[in-house]
Amino acid sequence: EIEQVPPMVSALKFRGERLYELARKGMEVERPARRVTVYGIETA
């Protein structure tokens, strides 16, 4: 279980607007970290 900050260019919303729409305007906003779980990583 790790904390991960979503990329600015993503479909998540900030105050009703998609982050990628804000990014297109040259804006960057603070994105709260989200808890996700990575079960495994293997080199291919």
All heavy atoms as atom14 arrays in JSON, in Angstrom:
{
  "sequence": "EIEQVPPMVSALKFRGERLYELARKGMEVERPARRVTVYGIETA",
  "atom14_mask": [
    [1, 1, 1, 1, 1, 1, 1, 1, 1, 0, 0, 0, 0, 0],
    [1, 1, 1, 1, 1, 1, 1, 1, 0, 0, 0, 0, 0, 0],
    [1, 1, 1, 1, 1, 1, 1, 1, 1, 0, 0, 0, 0, 0],
    [1, 1, 1, 1, 1, 1, 1, 1, 1, 0, 0, 0, 0, 0],
    [1, 1, 1, 1, 1, 1, 1, 0, 0, 0, 0, 0, 0, 0],
    [1, 1, 1, 1, 1, 1, 1, 0, 0, 0, 0, 0, 0, 0],
    [1, 1, 1, 1, 1, 1, 1, 0, 0, 0, 0, 0, 0, 0],
    [1, 1, 1, 1, 1, 1, 1, 1, 0, 0, 0, 0, 0, 0],
    [1, 1, 1, 1, 1, 1, 1, 0, 0, 0, 0, 0, 0, 0],
    [1, 1, 1, 1, 1, 1, 0, 0, 0, 0, 0, 0, 0, 0],
    [1, 1, 1, 1, 1, 0, 0, 0, 0, 0, 0, 0, 0, 0],
    [1, 1, 1, 1, 1, 1, 1, 1, 0, 0, 0, 0, 0, 0],
    [1, 1, 1, 1, 1, 1, 1, 1, 1, 0, 0, 0, 0, 0],
    [1, 1, 1, 1, 1, 1, 1, 1, 1, 1, 1, 0, 0, 0],
    [1, 1, 1, 1, 1, 1, 1, 1, 1, 1, 1, 0, 0, 0],
    [1, 1, 1, 1, 0, 0, 0, 0, 0, 0, 0, 0, 0, 0],
    [1, 1, 1, 1, 1, 1, 1, 1, 1, 0, 0, 0, 0, 0],
    [1, 1, 1, 1, 1, 1, 1, 1, 1, 1, 1, 0, 0, 0],
    [1, 1, 1, 1, 1, 1, 1, 1, 0, 0, 0, 0, 0, 0],
    [1, 1, 1, 1, 1, 1, 1, 1, 1, 1, 1, 1, 0, 0],
    [1, 1, 1, 1, 1, 1, 1, 1, 1, 0, 0, 0, 0, 0],
    [1, 1, 1, 1, 1, 1, 1, 1, 0, 0, 0, 0, 0, 0],
    [1, 1, 1, 1, 1, 0, 0, 0, 0, 0, 0, 0, 0, 0],
    [1, 1, 1, 1, 1, 1, 1, 1, 1, 1, 1, 0, 0, 0],
    [1, 1, 1, 1, 1, 1, 1, 1, 1, 0, 0, 0, 0, 0],
    [1, 1, 1, 1, 0, 0, 0, 0, 0, 0, 0, 0, 0, 0],
    [1, 1, 1, 1, 1, 1, 1, 1, 0, 0, 0, 0, 0, 0],
    [1, 1, 1, 1, 1, 1, 1, 1, 1, 0, 0, 0, 0, 0],
    [1, 1, 1, 1, 1, 1, 1, 0, 0, 0, 0, 0, 0, 0],
    [1, 1, 1, 1, 1, 1, 1, 1, 1, 0, 0, 0, 0, 0],
    [1, 1, 1, 1, 1, 1, 1, 1, 1, 1, 1, 0, 0, 0],
    [1, 1, 1, 1, 1, 1, 1, 0, 0, 0, 0, 0, 0, 0],
    [1, 1, 1, 1, 1, 0, 0, 0, 0, 0, 0, 0, 0, 0],
    [1, 1, 1, 1, 1, 1, 1, 1, 1, 1, 1, 0, 0, 0],
    [1, 1, 1, 1, 1, 1, 1, 1, 1, 1, 1, 0, 0, 0],
    [1, 1, 1, 1, 1, 1, 1, 0, 0, 0, 0, 0, 0, 0],
    [1, 1, 1, 1, 1, 1, 1, 0, 0, 0, 0, 0, 0, 0],
    [1, 1, 1, 1, 1, 1, 1, 0, 0, 0, 0, 0, 0, 0],
    [1, 1, 1, 1, 1, 1, 1, 1, 1, 1, 1, 1, 0, 0],
    [1, 1, 1, 1, 0, 0, 0, 0, 0, 0, 0, 0, 0, 0],
    [1, 1, 1, 1, 1, 1, 1, 1, 0, 0, 0, 0, 0, 0],
    [1, 1, 1, 1, 1, 1, 1, 1, 1, 0, 0, 0, 0, 0],
    [1, 1, 1, 1, 1, 1, 1, 0, 0, 0, 0, 0, 0, 0],
    [1, 1, 1, 1, 1, 0, 0, 0, 0, 0, 0, 0, 0, 0]
  ],
  "atom14_positions": [
    [[0.86, -1.19, 0.0], [0.0, 0.0, 0.0], [0.89, 1.23, 0.0], [1.71, 1.42, 0.89], [-0.92, 0.0, 1.22], [-2.01, 1.05, 1.14], [-2.99, 0.97, 2.29], [-2.7, 1.56, 3.35], [-4.04, 0.31, 2.14], [0.0, 0.0, 0.0], [0.0, 0.0, 0.0], [0.0, 0.0, 0.0], [0.0, 0.0, 0.0], [0.0, 0.0, 0.0]],
    [[0.75, 2.07, -1.01], [1.61, 3.24, -1.16], [0.76, 4.48, -1.4], [-0.43, 4.39, -1.75], [2.61, 3.08, -2.33], [1.85, 2.95, -3.67], [3.53, 1.89, -2.09], [2.75, 2.98, -4.89], [0.0, 0.0, 0.0], [0.0, 0.0, 0.0], [0.0, 0.0, 0.0], [0.0, 0.0, 0.0], [0.0, 0.0, 0.0], [0.0, 0.0, 0.0]],
    [[1.36, 5.64, -1.21], [0.7, 6.9, -1.56], [1.23, 7.36, -2.9], [2.43, 7.33, -3.15], [0.94, 7.95, -0.47], [0.18, 7.69, 0.8], [0.05, 8.94, 1.67], [0.84, 9.89, 1.47], [-0.84, 8.97, 2.54], [0.0, 0.0, 0.0], [0.0, 0.0, 0.0], [0.0, 0.0, 0.0], [0.0, 0.0, 0.0], [0.0, 0.0, 0.0]],
    [[0.32, 7.78, -3.76], [0.7, 8.15, -5.11], [0.01, 9.45, -5.51], [-1.2, 9.6, -5.32], [0.29, 7.02, -6.07], [0.79, 7.18, -7.48], [0.33, 6.02, -8.36], [-0.84, 5.9, -8.67], [1.26, 5.17, -8.76], [0.0, 0.0, 0.0], [0.0, 0.0, 0.0], [0.0, 0.0, 0.0], [0.0, 0.0, 0.0], [0.0, 0.0, 0.0]],
    [[0.78, 10.39, -6.06], [0.21, 11.65, -6.55], [-0.16, 11.46, -8.02], [0.71, 11.12, -8.83], [1.2, 12.82, -6.39], [0.61, 14.1, -6.98], [1.54, 13.03, -4.92], [0.0, 0.0, 0.0], [0.0, 0.0, 0.0], [0.0, 0.0, 0.0], [0.0, 0.0, 0.0], [0.0, 0.0, 0.0], [0.0, 0.0, 0.0], [0.0, 0.0, 0.0]],
    [[-1.41, 11.65, -8.4], [-1.81, 11.48, -9.8], [-1.11, 12.5, -10.69], [-0.78, 13.62, -10.24], [-3.32, 11.75, -9.77], [-3.73, 11.58, -8.35], [-2.54, 12.0, -7.54], [0.0, 0.0, 0.0], [0.0, 0.0, 0.0], [0.0, 0.0, 0.0], [0.0, 0.0, 0.0], [0.0, 0.0, 0.0], [0.0, 0.0, 0.0], [0.0, 0.0, 0.0]],
    [[-0.87, 12.16, -11.96], [-0.26, 13.13, -12.87], [-1.2, 14.3, -13.13], [-2.42, 14.16, -13.03], [-0.02, 12.31, -14.15], [-0.93, 11.14, -14.04], [-1.11, 10.86, -12.59], [0.0, 0.0, 0.0], [0.0, 0.0, 0.0], [0.0, 0.0, 0.0], [0.0, 0.0, 0.0], [0.0, 0.0, 0.0], [0.0, 0.0, 0.0], [0.0, 0.0, 0.0]],
    [[-0.63, 15.43, -13.45], [-1.45, 16.61, -13.74], [-2.31, 16.37, -14.99], [-3.45, 16.81, -15.06], [-0.54, 17.84, -13.94], [-1.3, 19.15, -14.09], [-2.19, 19.6, -12.58], [-3.48, 20.64, -13.3], [0.0, 0.0, 0.0], [0.0, 0.0, 0.0], [0.0, 0.0, 0.0], [0.0, 0.0, 0.0], [0.0, 0.0, 0.0], [0.0, 0.0, 0.0]],
    [[-1.76, 15.66, -15.95], [-2.52, 15.34, -17.15], [-3.28, 14.05, -16.89], [-2.79, 12.95, -17.14], [-1.6, 15.19, -18.38], [-2.42, 14.87, -19.63], [-0.8, 16.47, -18.6], [0.0, 0.0, 0.0], [0.0, 0.0, 0.0], [0.0, 0.0, 0.0], [0.0, 0.0, 0.0], [0.0, 0.0, 0.0], [0.0, 0.0, 0.0], [0.0, 0.0, 0.0]],
    [[-4.48, 14.19, -16.31], [-5.33, 13.04, -16.01], [-6.78, 13.49, -16.02], [-7.08, 14.69, -16.08], [-4.96, 12.43, -14.65], [-5.28, 13.32, -13.6], [0.0, 0.0, 0.0], [0.0, 0.0, 0.0], [0.0, 0.0, 0.0], [0.0, 0.0, 0.0], [0.0, 0.0, 0.0], [0.0, 0.0, 0.0], [0.0, 0.0, 0.0], [0.0, 0.0, 0.0]],
    [[-7.69, 12.52, -15.94], [-9.12, 12.83, -16.04], [-9.74, 13.17, -14.69], [-10.94, 13.44, -14.61], [-9.86, 11.65, -16.67], [0.0, 0.0, 0.0], [0.0, 0.0, 0.0], [0.0, 0.0, 0.0], [0.0, 0.0, 0.0], [0.0, 0.0, 0.0], [0.0, 0.0, 0.0], [0.0, 0.0, 0.0], [0.0, 0.0, 0.0], [0.0, 0.0, 0.0]],
    [[-8.93, 13.16, -13.62], [-9.46, 13.52, -12.31], [-9.92, 14.98, -12.31], [-9.42, 15.8, -13.09], [-8.39, 13.32, -11.23], [-7.93, 11.88, -11.01], [-6.82, 11.85, -9.98], [-9.08, 10.99, -10.58], [0.0, 0.0, 0.0], [0.0, 0.0, 0.0], [0.0, 0.0, 0.0], [0.0, 0.0, 0.0], [0.0, 0.0, 0.0], [0.0, 0.0, 0.0]],
    [[-10.87, 15.29, -11.43], [-11.42, 16.64, -11.39], [-10.87, 17.45, -10.23], [-10.58, 16.92, -9.16], [-12.95, 16.58, -11.3], [-13.64, 16.15, -12.58], [-15.15, 16.29, -12.48], [-15.82, 15.97, -13.79], [-17.29, 16.13, -13.71], [0.0, 0.0, 0.0], [0.0, 0.0, 0.0], [0.0, 0.0, 0.0], [0.0, 0.0, 0.0], [0.0, 0.0, 0.0]],
    [[-10.71, 18.75, -10.49], [-10.32, 19.72, -9.46], [-11.29, 20.88, -9.56], [-11.33, 21.58, -10.57], [-8.87, 20.2, -9.67], [-8.43, 21.26, -8.69], [-8.01, 20.91, -7.42], [-8.45, 22.61, -9.05], [-7.6, 21.88, -6.51], [-8.04, 23.58, -8.14], [-7.61, 23.22, -6.88], [0.0, 0.0, 0.0], [0.0, 0.0, 0.0], [0.0, 0.0, 0.0]],
    [[-12.14, 21.02, -8.5], [-13.16, 22.06, -8.49], [-14.01, 22.05, -9.77], [-14.29, 23.09, -10.39], [-12.52, 23.44, -8.29], [-11.84, 23.58, -6.94], [-11.17, 24.92, -6.75], [-10.52, 25.0, -5.46], [-9.74, 26.01, -5.06], [-9.54, 27.03, -5.88], [-9.18, 26.0, -3.87], [0.0, 0.0, 0.0], [0.0, 0.0, 0.0], [0.0, 0.0, 0.0]],
    [[-14.41, 20.85, -10.15], [-15.33, 20.69, -11.27], [-14.71, 20.66, -12.65], [-15.41, 20.48, -13.65], [0.0, 0.0, 0.0], [0.0, 0.0, 0.0], [0.0, 0.0, 0.0], [0.0, 0.0, 0.0], [0.0, 0.0, 0.0], [0.0, 0.0, 0.0], [0.0, 0.0, 0.0], [0.0, 0.0, 0.0], [0.0, 0.0, 0.0], [0.0, 0.0, 0.0]],
    [[-13.39, 20.81, -12.72], [-12.72, 20.83, -14.03], [-11.69, 19.69, -14.1], [-11.01, 19.4, -13.12], [-12.02, 22.18, -14.23], [-11.87, 22.55, -15.68], [-11.47, 24.02, -15.88], [-11.48, 24.79, -14.9], [-11.15, 24.38, -17.02], [0.0, 0.0, 0.0], [0.0, 0.0, 0.0], [0.0, 0.0, 0.0], [0.0, 0.0, 0.0], [0.0, 0.0, 0.0]],
    [[-11.6, 19.04, -15.25], [-10.63, 17.96, -15.43], [-9.21, 18.51, -15.31], [-8.92, 19.61, -15.8], [-10.8, 17.31, -16.81], [-12.18, 16.71, -17.07], [-12.38, 15.43, -16.32], [-13.66, 14.8, -16.66], [-14.14, 13.73, -16.05], [-13.45, 13.16, -15.08], [-15.31, 13.23, -16.41], [0.0, 0.0, 0.0], [0.0, 0.0, 0.0], [0.0, 0.0, 0.0]],
    [[-8.34, 17.72, -14.69], [-6.96, 18.16, -14.53], [-6.29, 18.4, -15.88], [-5.53, 19.36, -16.04], [-6.16, 17.13, -13.72], [-6.44, 17.05, -12.22], [-5.62, 15.94, -11.59], [-6.14, 18.39, -11.54], [0.0, 0.0, 0.0], [0.0, 0.0, 0.0], [0.0, 0.0, 0.0], [0.0, 0.0, 0.0], [0.0, 0.0, 0.0], [0.0, 0.0, 0.0]],
    [[-6.57, 17.55, -16.87], [-5.91, 17.74, -18.16], [-6.37, 19.04, -18.83], [-5.62, 19.65, -19.61], [-6.12, 16.54, -19.09], [-7.54, 16.26, -19.52], [-8.16, 17.03, -20.5], [-8.25, 15.2, -18.98], [-9.45, 16.76, -20.91], [-9.54, 14.92, -19.38], [-10.14, 15.72, -20.35], [-11.44, 15.44, -20.75], [0.0, 0.0, 0.0], [0.0, 0.0, 0.0]],
    [[-7.6, 19.49, -18.53], [-8.07, 20.76, -19.07], [-7.3, 21.93, -18.46], [-6.96, 22.9, -19.15], [-9.58, 20.91, -18.82], [-10.43, 19.91, -19.59], [-11.88, 19.92, -19.18], [-12.18, 20.48, -18.1], [-12.72, 19.39, -19.91], [0.0, 0.0, 0.0], [0.0, 0.0, 0.0], [0.0, 0.0, 0.0], [0.0, 0.0, 0.0], [0.0, 0.0, 0.0]],
    [[-7.02, 21.82, -17.16], [-6.22, 22.85, -16.49], [-4.79, 22.83, -17.02], [-4.17, 23.9, -17.23], [-6.22, 22.62, -14.98], [-7.58, 22.74, -14.27], [-7.44, 22.36, -12.81], [-8.13, 24.15, -14.4], [0.0, 0.0, 0.0], [0.0, 0.0, 0.0], [0.0, 0.0, 0.0], [0.0, 0.0, 0.0], [0.0, 0.0, 0.0], [0.0, 0.0, 0.0]],
    [[-4.26, 21.63, -17.26], [-2.89, 21.5, -17.76], [-2.77, 22.16, -19.13], [-1.74, 22.78, -19.45], [-2.51, 20.03, -17.84], [0.0, 0.0, 0.0], [0.0, 0.0, 0.0], [0.0, 0.0, 0.0], [0.0, 0.0, 0.0], [0.0, 0.0, 0.0], [0.0, 0.0, 0.0], [0.0, 0.0, 0.0], [0.0, 0.0, 0.0], [0.0, 0.0, 0.0]],
    [[-3.8, 22.02, -19.97], [-3.77, 22.65, -21.3], [-3.71, 24.17, -21.2], [-3.22, 24.84, -22.1], [-5.02, 22.24, -22.08], [-5.0, 20.8, -22.59], [-6.32, 20.43, -23.19], [-6.37, 19.03, -23.6], [-7.48, 18.38, -23.89], [-8.67, 19.0, -23.81], [-7.45, 17.11, -24.25], [0.0, 0.0, 0.0], [0.0, 0.0, 0.0], [0.0, 0.0, 0.0]],
    [[-4.21, 24.72, -20.08], [-4.18, 26.16, -19.87], [-2.86, 26.6, -19.22], [-2.68, 27.77, -18.89], [-5.34, 26.59, -18.96], [-6.72, 26.3, -19.54], [-7.81, 26.62, -18.52], [-9.19, 26.24, -19.04], [-10.24, 26.49, -18.01], [0.0, 0.0, 0.0], [0.0, 0.0, 0.0], [0.0, 0.0, 0.0], [0.0, 0.0, 0.0], [0.0, 0.0, 0.0]],
    [[-1.95, 25.64, -19.03], [-0.66, 25.95, -18.42], [-0.71, 26.03, -16.91], [0.23, 26.55, -16.28], [0.0, 0.0, 0.0], [0.0, 0.0, 0.0], [0.0, 0.0, 0.0], [0.0, 0.0, 0.0], [0.0, 0.0, 0.0], [0.0, 0.0, 0.0], [0.0, 0.0, 0.0], [0.0, 0.0, 0.0], [0.0, 0.0, 0.0], [0.0, 0.0, 0.0]],
    [[-1.8, 25.5, -16.32], [-1.95, 25.56, -14.86], [-1.51, 24.25, -14.23], [-1.65, 23.19, -14.82], [-3.41, 25.85, -14.49], [-3.95, 27.16, -15.02], [-5.74, 27.31, -14.78], [-5.87, 27.17, -13.0], [0.0, 0.0, 0.0], [0.0, 0.0, 0.0], [0.0, 0.0, 0.0], [0.0, 0.0, 0.0], [0.0, 0.0, 0.0], [0.0, 0.0, 0.0]],
    [[-0.99, 24.34, -13.02], [-0.7, 23.15, -12.22], [-1.24, 23.38, -10.84], [-1.01, 24.43, -10.23], [0.8, 22.85, -12.17], [1.1, 21.59, -11.38], [2.5, 21.05, -11.62], [3.22, 21.61, -12.47], [2.86, 20.07, -10.96], [0.0, 0.0, 0.0], [0.0, 0.0, 0.0], [0.0, 0.0, 0.0], [0.0, 0.0, 0.0], [0.0, 0.0, 0.0]],
    [[-2.0, 22.42, -10.32], [-2.62, 22.56, -9.01], [-2.12, 21.44, -8.1], [-1.61, 20.42, -8.57], [-4.16, 22.5, -9.11], [-4.69, 23.66, -9.94], [-4.63, 21.17, -9.68], [0.0, 0.0, 0.0], [0.0, 0.0, 0.0], [0.0, 0.0, 0.0], [0.0, 0.0, 0.0], [0.0, 0.0, 0.0], [0.0, 0.0, 0.0], [0.0, 0.0, 0.0]],
    [[-2.26, 21.66, -6.82], [-1.86, 20.66, -5.84], [-2.81, 19.46, -5.93], [-4.03, 19.62, -5.9], [-1.93, 21.27, -4.43], [-1.26, 20.44, -3.36], [0.24, 20.55, -3.38], [0.78, 21.5, -3.97], [0.89, 19.64, -2.8], [0.0, 0.0, 0.0], [0.0, 0.0, 0.0], [0.0, 0.0, 0.0], [0.0, 0.0, 0.0], [0.0, 0.0, 0.0]],
    [[-2.24, 18.27, -6.06], [-3.06, 17.06, -6.11], [-2.79, 16.23, -4.87], [-1.64, 15.9, -4.59], [-2.74, 16.19, -7.34], [-3.27, 16.75, -8.65], [-2.2, 17.43, -9.44], [-1.12, 16.55, -9.84], [0.1, 16.99, -10.14], [0.41, 18.27, -10.07], [1.04, 16.12, -10.51], [0.0, 0.0, 0.0], [0.0, 0.0, 0.0], [0.0, 0.0, 0.0]],
    [[-3.84, 15.94, -4.1], [-3.62, 15.12, -2.9], [-3.19, 13.71, -3.28], [-3.64, 13.16, -4.28], [-4.99, 15.12, -2.22], [-5.97, 15.41, -3.31], [-5.25, 16.32, -4.26], [0.0, 0.0, 0.0], [0.0, 0.0, 0.0], [0.0, 0.0, 0.0], [0.0, 0.0, 0.0], [0.0, 0.0, 0.0], [0.0, 0.0, 0.0], [0.0, 0.0, 0.0]],
    [[-2.29, 13.15, -2.49], [-1.85, 11.77, -2.73], [-3.01, 10.82, -2.45], [-3.85, 11.07, -1.59], [-0.67, 11.44, -1.83], [0.0, 0.0, 0.0], [0.0, 0.0, 0.0], [0.0, 0.0, 0.0], [0.0, 0.0, 0.0], [0.0, 0.0, 0.0], [0.0, 0.0, 0.0], [0.0, 0.0, 0.0], [0.0, 0.0, 0.0], [0.0, 0.0, 0.0]],
    [[-3.06, 9.74, -3.21], [-4.09, 8.72, -3.03], [-3.43, 7.4, -2.65], [-2.34, 7.09, -3.13], [-4.9, 8.55, -4.32], [-5.47, 9.85, -4.85], [-6.55, 9.63, -5.87], [-6.17, 8.74, -6.95], [-7.0, 8.35, -7.91], [-8.25, 8.76, -7.91], [-6.58, 7.55, -8.88], [0.0, 0.0, 0.0], [0.0, 0.0, 0.0], [0.0, 0.0, 0.0]],
    [[-4.11, 6.64, -1.82], [-3.58, 5.35, -1.4], [-4.0, 4.28, -2.4], [-5.19, 4.11, -2.68], [-4.06, 4.99, 0.01], [-3.57, 5.98, 1.06], [-3.65, 5.4, 2.46], [-2.64, 4.39, 2.7], [-1.38, 4.65, 3.02], [-0.96, 5.9, 3.11], [-0.52, 3.66, 3.24], [0.0, 0.0, 0.0], [0.0, 0.0, 0.0], [0.0, 0.0, 0.0]],
    [[-3.02, 3.58, -2.94], [-3.27, 2.49, -3.88], [-2.41, 1.3, -3.44], [-1.54, 1.44, -2.58], [-2.92, 2.89, -5.33], [-3.8, 4.06, -5.79], [-1.45, 3.25, -5.47], [0.0, 0.0, 0.0], [0.0, 0.0, 0.0], [0.0, 0.0, 0.0], [0.0, 0.0, 0.0], [0.0, 0.0, 0.0], [0.0, 0.0, 0.0], [0.0, 0.0, 0.0]],
    [[-2.66, 0.15, -4.03], [-1.9, -1.04, -3.67], [-1.25, -1.64, -4.91], [-1.92, -1.87, -5.92], [-2.79, -2.1, -3.01], [-3.41, -1.53, -1.85], [-1.97, -3.31, -2.59], [0.0, 0.0, 0.0], [0.0, 0.0, 0.0], [0.0, 0.0, 0.0], [0.0, 0.0, 0.0], [0.0, 0.0, 0.0], [0.0, 0.0, 0.0], [0.0, 0.0, 0.0]],
    [[0.04, -1.85, -4.83], [0.79, -2.55, -5.88], [1.14, -3.92, -5.34], [1.84, -4.05, -4.34], [2.06, -1.78, -6.28], [2.86, -2.56, -7.33], [1.71, -0.4, -6.82], [0.0, 0.0, 0.0], [0.0, 0.0, 0.0], [0.0, 0.0, 0.0], [0.0, 0.0, 0.0], [0.0, 0.0, 0.0], [0.0, 0.0, 0.0], [0.0, 0.0, 0.0]],
    [[0.62, -4.96, -5.99], [0.81, -6.32, -5.5], [2.15, -6.92, -5.94], [2.71, -7.76, -5.23], [-0.33, -7.22, -5.99], [-1.69, -6.7, -5.6], [-2.57, -6.19, -6.56], [-2.11, -6.7, -4.28], [-3.81, -5.7, -6.21], [-3.35, -6.21, -3.91], [-4.2, -5.71, -4.88], [-5.43, -5.22, -4.52], [0.0, 0.0, 0.0], [0.0, 0.0, 0.0]],
    [[2.64, -6.49, -7.07], [3.91, -7.03, -7.53], [4.44, -6.3, -8.76], [3.67, -5.75, -9.55], [0.0, 0.0, 0.0], [0.0, 0.0, 0.0], [0.0, 0.0, 0.0], [0.0, 0.0, 0.0], [0.0, 0.0, 0.0], [0.0, 0.0, 0.0], [0.0, 0.0, 0.0], [0.0, 0.0, 0.0], [0.0, 0.0, 0.0], [0.0, 0.0, 0.0]],
    [[5.76, -6.27, -8.91], [6.44, -5.7, -10.07], [7.51, -6.69, -10.5], [8.35, -7.09, -9.69], [7.11, -4.34, -9.76], [6.11, -3.36, -9.13], [7.71, -3.73, -11.02], [6.75, -2.05, -8.66], [0.0, 0.0, 0.0], [0.0, 0.0, 0.0], [0.0, 0.0, 0.0], [0.0, 0.0, 0.0], [0.0, 0.0, 0.0], [0.0, 0.0, 0.0]],
    [[7.49, -7.08, -11.76], [8.48, -8.03, -12.26], [9.08, -7.53, -13.57], [8.35, -7.03, -14.44], [7.84, -9.4, -12.5], [7.39, -10.1, -11.24], [6.87, -11.5, -11.51], [6.88, -11.92, -12.7], [6.45, -12.18, -10.55], [0.0, 0.0, 0.0], [0.0, 0.0, 0.0], [0.0, 0.0, 0.0], [0.0, 0.0, 0.0], [0.0, 0.0, 0.0]],
    [[10.38, -7.66, -13.72], [11.07, -7.25, -14.94], [10.79, -8.25, -16.06], [10.95, -9.45, -15.88], [12.58, -7.16, -14.71], [12.83, -6.18, -13.69], [13.31, -6.74, -15.98], [0.0, 0.0, 0.0], [0.0, 0.0, 0.0], [0.0, 0.0, 0.0], [0.0, 0.0, 0.0], [0.0, 0.0, 0.0], [0.0, 0.0, 0.0], [0.0, 0.0, 0.0]],
    [[10.39, -7.73, -17.21], [10.19, -8.57, -18.4], [11.34, -8.41, -19.38], [11.68, -9.35, -20.11], [8.86, -8.23, -19.09], [0.0, 0.0, 0.0], [0.0, 0.0, 0.0], [0.0, 0.0, 0.0], [0.0, 0.0, 0.0], [0.0, 0.0, 0.0], [0.0, 0.0, 0.0], [0.0, 0.0, 0.0], [0.0, 0.0, 0.0], [0.0, 0.0, 0.0]]
  ]
}
